[in-house]
Amino acid sequence: MTMLSFALVLSGVLLNAAAQLLLKAGTNSVGAFVFTADNLFPVGLKLASNPYILGGLGCYAISVVLWIMALSRVEVSLAYPMLSIGYVINAFAAWQLFGEALTAQRLAGIGTIIVGVFLVARS
């Protein structure tokens, strides 16, 4: 994998991870709500106009463009497993930003992901 290809894959993964974090921040700022026919439009409008959610959707859009560019240069069997790096980033970011738990079992899973990505990247 060339440096350009790696940069495209990593940028796509990082933007995808950022999108998830922004979407979570957006839903946190909107707060809990119940889906009913009466509040579907008001809640939908609140979500659709939330700056965090809009930022997350923007990150997704850019990440898709970068991902397509990456796939034009890298085998999908090599590129796709790299998306797992986003799981690792998001677990630690969610722990720091949102106070989510990082239990021993989750850390073991994260370690497994890191080993798997390393093995795929070396192939």
N, C-alpha and C. Protein backbone atom coordinates (compact mmCIF):
# COMPACT_ATOMS: atom_id res chain seq x y z
N MET A 1 0.86 -1.17 0.00
CA MET A 1 0.00 0.00 0.00
C MET A 1 0.91 1.24 0.00
N THR A 2 0.64 2.13 -0.92
CA THR A 2 1.44 3.35 -1.00
C THR A 2 1.04 4.31 0.11
N MET A 3 1.85 5.34 0.32
CA MET A 3 1.54 6.34 1.34
C MET A 3 0.23 7.07 1.01
N LEU A 4 0.02 7.36 -0.27
CA LEU A 4 -1.22 8.03 -0.67
C LEU A 4 -2.43 7.14 -0.37
N SER A 5 -2.33 5.88 -0.72
CA SER A 5 -3.43 4.95 -0.46
C SER A 5 -3.70 4.84 1.04
N PHE A 6 -2.63 4.71 1.82
CA PHE A 6 -2.78 4.62 3.27
C PHE A 6 -3.41 5.90 3.83
N ALA A 7 -2.98 7.05 3.33
CA ALA A 7 -3.53 8.33 3.78
C ALA A 7 -5.02 8.43 3.46
N LEU A 8 -5.42 7.96 2.28
CA LEU A 8 -6.83 7.99 1.90
C LEU A 8 -7.65 7.08 2.81
N VAL A 9 -7.15 5.87 3.04
CA VAL A 9 -7.86 4.92 3.90
C VAL A 9 -7.97 5.48 5.31
N LEU A 10 -6.85 5.94 5.86
CA LEU A 10 -6.85 6.45 7.23
C LEU A 10 -7.72 7.70 7.37
N SER A 11 -7.67 8.59 6.39
CA SER A 11 -8.51 9.79 6.44
C SER A 11 -9.99 9.42 6.41
N GLY A 12 -10.35 8.47 5.55
CA GLY A 12 -11.73 8.01 5.50
C GLY A 12 -12.18 7.40 6.82
N VAL A 13 -11.31 6.60 7.42
CA VAL A 13 -11.63 5.96 8.70
C VAL A 13 -11.78 7.02 9.80
N LEU A 14 -10.86 7.97 9.85
CA LEU A 14 -10.92 9.00 10.89
C LEU A 14 -12.15 9.89 10.74
N LEU A 15 -12.49 10.23 9.52
CA LEU A 15 -13.70 11.04 9.31
C LEU A 15 -14.96 10.25 9.67
N ASN A 16 -14.97 8.97 9.38
CA ASN A 16 -16.10 8.13 9.74
C ASN A 16 -16.23 8.05 11.26
N ALA A 17 -15.10 7.91 11.95
CA ALA A 17 -15.12 7.88 13.41
C ALA A 17 -15.60 9.22 13.97
N ALA A 18 -15.11 10.32 13.40
CA ALA A 18 -15.55 11.65 13.83
C ALA A 18 -17.04 11.82 13.63
N ALA A 19 -17.55 11.29 12.52
CA ALA A 19 -18.99 11.38 12.24
C ALA A 19 -19.79 10.70 13.35
N GLN A 20 -19.36 9.53 13.76
CA GLN A 20 -20.07 8.82 14.84
C GLN A 20 -20.08 9.62 16.12
N LEU A 21 -18.94 10.21 16.46
CA LEU A 21 -18.85 10.99 17.69
C LEU A 21 -19.71 12.25 17.61
N LEU A 22 -19.74 12.88 16.46
CA LEU A 22 -20.59 14.06 16.30
C LEU A 22 -22.08 13.71 16.36
N LEU A 23 -22.45 12.57 15.76
CA LEU A 23 -23.85 12.14 15.84
C LEU A 23 -24.25 11.86 17.29
N LYS A 24 -23.36 11.24 18.03
CA LYS A 24 -23.63 10.96 19.45
C LYS A 24 -23.76 12.26 20.23
N ALA A 25 -22.86 13.21 19.98
CA ALA A 25 -22.94 14.51 20.66
C ALA A 25 -24.25 15.21 20.31
N GLY A 26 -24.68 15.08 19.07
CA GLY A 26 -25.94 15.68 18.65
C GLY A 26 -27.13 15.06 19.36
N THR A 27 -27.16 13.76 19.43
CA THR A 27 -28.29 13.12 20.12
C THR A 27 -28.26 13.42 21.61
N ASN A 28 -27.06 13.53 22.18
CA ASN A 28 -26.96 13.92 23.60
C ASN A 28 -27.51 15.33 23.82
N SER A 29 -27.21 16.24 22.90
CA SER A 29 -27.68 17.62 23.08
C SER A 29 -29.18 17.75 22.86
N VAL A 30 -29.75 16.91 22.02
CA VAL A 30 -31.20 16.93 21.81
C VAL A 30 -31.91 16.30 23.01
N GLY A 31 -31.31 15.27 23.57
CA GLY A 31 -31.89 14.61 24.73
C GLY A 31 -32.78 13.44 24.33
N ALA A 32 -33.21 12.71 25.33
CA ALA A 32 -34.06 11.55 25.09
C ALA A 32 -35.44 12.00 24.61
N PHE A 33 -36.02 11.21 23.75
CA PHE A 33 -37.35 11.52 23.22
C PHE A 33 -38.05 10.22 22.87
N VAL A 34 -39.36 10.29 22.79
CA VAL A 34 -40.18 9.14 22.43
C VAL A 34 -40.69 9.35 21.01
N PHE A 35 -40.59 8.32 20.21
CA PHE A 35 -41.12 8.41 18.85
C PHE A 35 -42.63 8.18 18.88
N THR A 36 -43.36 9.21 18.56
CA THR A 36 -44.81 9.09 18.39
C THR A 36 -45.17 9.86 17.13
N ALA A 37 -46.35 9.64 16.64
CA ALA A 37 -46.79 10.36 15.44
C ALA A 37 -46.85 11.86 15.69
N ASP A 38 -47.19 12.25 16.92
CA ASP A 38 -47.31 13.67 17.25
C ASP A 38 -45.96 14.40 17.27
N ASN A 39 -44.91 13.72 17.70
CA ASN A 39 -43.63 14.43 17.82
C ASN A 39 -42.63 14.05 16.73
N LEU A 40 -43.04 13.27 15.77
CA LEU A 40 -42.12 12.83 14.72
C LEU A 40 -41.52 14.02 13.96
N PHE A 41 -42.34 14.95 13.54
CA PHE A 41 -41.85 16.10 12.78
C PHE A 41 -41.02 17.05 13.66
N PRO A 42 -41.51 17.45 14.85
CA PRO A 42 -40.71 18.36 15.68
C PRO A 42 -39.35 17.78 16.09
N VAL A 43 -39.35 16.51 16.47
CA VAL A 43 -38.08 15.88 16.85
C VAL A 43 -37.19 15.72 15.62
N GLY A 44 -37.77 15.32 14.50
CA GLY A 44 -36.99 15.20 13.26
C GLY A 44 -36.36 16.52 12.86
N LEU A 45 -37.11 17.60 13.00
CA LEU A 45 -36.59 18.93 12.67
C LEU A 45 -35.48 19.33 13.63
N LYS A 46 -35.67 19.02 14.90
CA LYS A 46 -34.65 19.31 15.90
C LYS A 46 -33.35 18.55 15.60
N LEU A 47 -33.48 17.29 15.23
CA LEU A 47 -32.30 16.49 14.89
C LEU A 47 -31.66 16.98 13.59
N ALA A 48 -32.48 17.28 12.60
CA ALA A 48 -31.97 17.70 11.29
C ALA A 48 -31.30 19.06 11.33
N SER A 49 -31.59 19.86 12.32
CA SER A 49 -30.99 21.19 12.40
C SER A 49 -29.91 21.28 13.47
N ASN A 50 -29.59 20.18 14.11
CA ASN A 50 -28.57 20.17 15.15
C ASN A 50 -27.18 20.30 14.52
N PRO A 51 -26.37 21.25 14.98
CA PRO A 51 -25.06 21.46 14.35
C PRO A 51 -24.13 20.24 14.46
N TYR A 52 -24.19 19.51 15.57
CA TYR A 52 -23.35 18.31 15.69
C TYR A 52 -23.77 17.26 14.66
N ILE A 53 -25.05 17.07 14.51
CA ILE A 53 -25.53 16.07 13.56
C ILE A 53 -25.20 16.50 12.13
N LEU A 54 -25.37 17.77 11.83
CA LEU A 54 -25.00 18.27 10.50
C LEU A 54 -23.50 18.09 10.25
N GLY A 55 -22.70 18.35 11.27
CA GLY A 55 -21.25 18.13 11.14
C GLY A 55 -20.93 16.66 10.92
N GLY A 56 -21.63 15.78 11.64
CA GLY A 56 -21.43 14.35 11.47
C GLY A 56 -21.79 13.89 10.07
N LEU A 57 -22.89 14.39 9.54
CA LEU A 57 -23.29 14.03 8.18
C LEU A 57 -22.29 14.56 7.16
N GLY A 58 -21.76 15.75 7.41
CA GLY A 58 -20.71 16.30 6.54
C GLY A 58 -19.46 15.44 6.54
N CYS A 59 -19.07 14.98 7.74
CA CYS A 59 -17.91 14.08 7.83
C CYS A 59 -18.16 12.80 7.06
N TYR A 60 -19.38 12.26 7.17
CA TYR A 60 -19.72 11.05 6.41
C TYR A 60 -19.59 11.29 4.91
N ALA A 61 -20.11 12.41 4.44
CA ALA A 61 -20.05 12.69 3.01
C ALA A 61 -18.61 12.76 2.51
N ILE A 62 -17.77 13.46 3.24
CA ILE A 62 -16.37 13.57 2.83
C ILE A 62 -15.68 12.22 2.94
N SER A 63 -16.00 11.46 3.99
CA SER A 63 -15.36 10.15 4.15
C SER A 63 -15.73 9.19 3.02
N VAL A 64 -16.95 9.29 2.50
CA VAL A 64 -17.36 8.44 1.39
C VAL A 64 -16.53 8.77 0.14
N VAL A 65 -16.33 10.05 -0.12
CA VAL A 65 -15.52 10.44 -1.27
C VAL A 65 -14.09 9.91 -1.13
N LEU A 66 -13.51 10.09 0.05
CA LEU A 66 -12.15 9.59 0.28
C LEU A 66 -12.09 8.06 0.19
N TRP A 67 -13.14 7.41 0.69
CA TRP A 67 -13.18 5.95 0.66
C TRP A 67 -13.23 5.43 -0.78
N ILE A 68 -14.02 6.09 -1.61
CA ILE A 68 -14.10 5.70 -3.02
C ILE A 68 -12.72 5.87 -3.69
N MET A 69 -12.06 6.98 -3.37
CA MET A 69 -10.71 7.20 -3.91
C MET A 69 -9.75 6.11 -3.42
N ALA A 70 -9.88 5.72 -2.15
CA ALA A 70 -9.02 4.67 -1.60
C ALA A 70 -9.29 3.33 -2.28
N LEU A 71 -10.57 3.01 -2.48
CA LEU A 71 -10.91 1.72 -3.09
C LEU A 71 -10.44 1.63 -4.54
N SER A 72 -10.24 2.78 -5.18
CA SER A 72 -9.73 2.75 -6.55
C SER A 72 -8.24 2.38 -6.58
N ARG A 73 -7.61 2.39 -5.42
CA ARG A 73 -6.17 2.14 -5.35
C ARG A 73 -5.78 0.92 -4.52
N VAL A 74 -6.72 0.45 -3.66
CA VAL A 74 -6.40 -0.61 -2.71
C VAL A 74 -7.43 -1.73 -2.84
N GLU A 75 -6.99 -2.95 -2.68
CA GLU A 75 -7.91 -4.08 -2.69
C GLU A 75 -8.91 -3.94 -1.54
N VAL A 76 -10.16 -4.23 -1.81
CA VAL A 76 -11.19 -4.11 -0.79
C VAL A 76 -10.92 -5.07 0.38
N SER A 77 -10.31 -6.20 0.11
CA SER A 77 -10.01 -7.16 1.17
C SER A 77 -8.92 -6.64 2.11
N LEU A 78 -8.19 -5.65 1.68
CA LEU A 78 -7.20 -5.00 2.55
C LEU A 78 -7.79 -3.73 3.17
N ALA A 79 -8.51 -2.95 2.39
CA ALA A 79 -9.03 -1.66 2.86
C ALA A 79 -10.16 -1.83 3.89
N TYR A 80 -11.09 -2.72 3.62
CA TYR A 80 -12.28 -2.82 4.46
C TYR A 80 -11.95 -3.16 5.92
N PRO A 81 -11.05 -4.10 6.18
CA PRO A 81 -10.72 -4.37 7.59
C PRO A 81 -10.12 -3.15 8.32
N MET A 82 -9.58 -2.21 7.57
CA MET A 82 -9.01 -1.01 8.19
C MET A 82 -10.10 -0.15 8.85
N LEU A 83 -11.35 -0.32 8.43
CA LEU A 83 -12.45 0.40 9.07
C LEU A 83 -12.53 0.06 10.56
N SER A 84 -12.01 -1.09 10.94
CA SER A 84 -12.03 -1.50 12.34
C SER A 84 -11.22 -0.56 13.23
N ILE A 85 -10.29 0.17 12.64
CA ILE A 85 -9.53 1.15 13.42
C ILE A 85 -10.50 2.18 14.01
N GLY A 86 -11.57 2.46 13.29
CA GLY A 86 -12.58 3.40 13.79
C GLY A 86 -13.21 2.93 15.08
N TYR A 87 -13.40 1.61 15.25
CA TYR A 87 -13.96 1.08 16.48
C TYR A 87 -13.05 1.39 17.66
N VAL A 88 -11.76 1.23 17.43
CA VAL A 88 -10.77 1.48 18.48
C VAL A 88 -10.78 2.96 18.85
N ILE A 89 -10.71 3.82 17.86
CA ILE A 89 -10.70 5.26 18.09
C ILE A 89 -11.97 5.69 18.83
N ASN A 90 -13.11 5.19 18.36
CA ASN A 90 -14.37 5.61 18.98
C ASN A 90 -14.53 5.10 20.40
N ALA A 91 -14.02 3.94 20.70
CA ALA A 91 -14.13 3.43 22.07
C ALA A 91 -13.38 4.34 23.03
N PHE A 92 -12.17 4.73 22.67
CA PHE A 92 -11.39 5.60 23.55
C PHE A 92 -11.93 7.03 23.56
N ALA A 93 -12.38 7.52 22.43
CA ALA A 93 -12.94 8.87 22.37
C ALA A 93 -14.25 8.95 23.16
N ALA A 94 -15.09 7.93 23.05
CA ALA A 94 -16.35 7.92 23.80
C ALA A 94 -16.08 7.84 25.30
N TRP A 95 -15.04 7.14 25.68
CA TRP A 95 -14.64 7.06 27.09
C TRP A 95 -14.23 8.45 27.58
N GLN A 96 -13.42 9.15 26.78
CA GLN A 96 -12.94 10.48 27.16
C GLN A 96 -14.04 11.54 27.08
N LEU A 97 -14.79 11.54 26.00
CA LEU A 97 -15.75 12.62 25.74
C LEU A 97 -17.10 12.43 26.42
N PHE A 98 -17.55 11.19 26.50
CA PHE A 98 -18.90 10.94 26.99
C PHE A 98 -18.94 10.13 28.29
N GLY A 99 -17.78 9.75 28.80
CA GLY A 99 -17.73 8.99 30.03
C GLY A 99 -18.22 7.56 29.90
N GLU A 100 -18.16 7.02 28.67
CA GLU A 100 -18.60 5.63 28.47
C GLU A 100 -17.58 4.67 29.06
N ALA A 101 -18.04 3.50 29.46
CA ALA A 101 -17.20 2.53 30.14
C ALA A 101 -16.22 1.84 29.18
N LEU A 102 -15.02 1.62 29.68
CA LEU A 102 -14.03 0.80 28.98
C LEU A 102 -13.70 -0.37 29.90
N THR A 103 -14.51 -1.39 29.83
CA THR A 103 -14.34 -2.55 30.71
C THR A 103 -13.21 -3.44 30.20
N ALA A 104 -12.80 -4.37 31.03
CA ALA A 104 -11.75 -5.32 30.63
C ALA A 104 -12.17 -6.10 29.39
N GLN A 105 -13.42 -6.49 29.32
CA GLN A 105 -13.91 -7.24 28.16
C GLN A 105 -13.84 -6.40 26.89
N ARG A 106 -14.21 -5.13 26.99
CA ARG A 106 -14.13 -4.24 25.83
C ARG A 106 -12.67 -4.03 25.42
N LEU A 107 -11.81 -3.85 26.39
CA LEU A 107 -10.39 -3.68 26.08
C LEU A 107 -9.81 -4.92 25.41
N ALA A 108 -10.26 -6.09 25.84
CA ALA A 108 -9.80 -7.33 25.20
C ALA A 108 -10.29 -7.37 23.74
N GLY A 109 -11.50 -6.96 23.51
CA GLY A 109 -12.02 -6.90 22.14
C GLY A 109 -11.26 -5.90 21.29
N ILE A 110 -10.94 -4.75 21.87
CA ILE A 110 -10.16 -3.73 21.16
C ILE A 110 -8.78 -4.27 20.82
N GLY A 111 -8.17 -4.98 21.76
CA GLY A 111 -6.86 -5.60 21.49
C GLY A 111 -6.93 -6.60 20.36
N THR A 112 -8.00 -7.37 20.33
CA THR A 112 -8.20 -8.34 19.25
C THR A 112 -8.32 -7.64 17.90
N ILE A 113 -9.05 -6.53 17.88
CA ILE A 113 -9.20 -5.76 16.64
C ILE A 113 -7.85 -5.24 16.17
N ILE A 114 -7.06 -4.71 17.10
CA ILE A 114 -5.75 -4.16 16.73
C ILE A 114 -4.86 -5.25 16.15
N VAL A 115 -4.85 -6.41 16.78
CA VAL A 115 -4.05 -7.53 16.24
C VAL A 115 -4.55 -7.93 14.86
N GLY A 116 -5.86 -8.01 14.69
CA GLY A 116 -6.43 -8.39 13.39
C GLY A 116 -6.07 -7.40 12.29
N VAL A 117 -6.19 -6.11 12.59
CA VAL A 117 -5.85 -5.09 11.59
C VAL A 117 -4.36 -5.16 11.24
N PHE A 118 -3.53 -5.37 12.24
CA PHE A 118 -2.10 -5.50 12.02
C PHE A 118 -1.80 -6.69 11.09
N LEU A 119 -2.44 -7.81 11.35
CA LEU A 119 -2.20 -9.00 10.51
C LEU A 119 -2.68 -8.78 9.08
N VAL A 120 -3.83 -8.16 8.91
CA VAL A 120 -4.34 -7.89 7.56
C VAL A 120 -3.43 -6.91 6.84
N ALA A 121 -2.97 -5.88 7.55
CA ALA A 121 -2.12 -4.87 6.93
C ALA A 121 -0.79 -5.45 6.48
N ARG A 122 -0.29 -6.45 7.16
CA ARG A 122 0.99 -7.07 6.81
C ARG A 122 0.87 -8.06 5.66
N SER A 123 -0.35 -8.42 5.32
CA SER A 123 -0.51 -9.45 4.28
C SER A 123 -0.29 -8.90 2.88
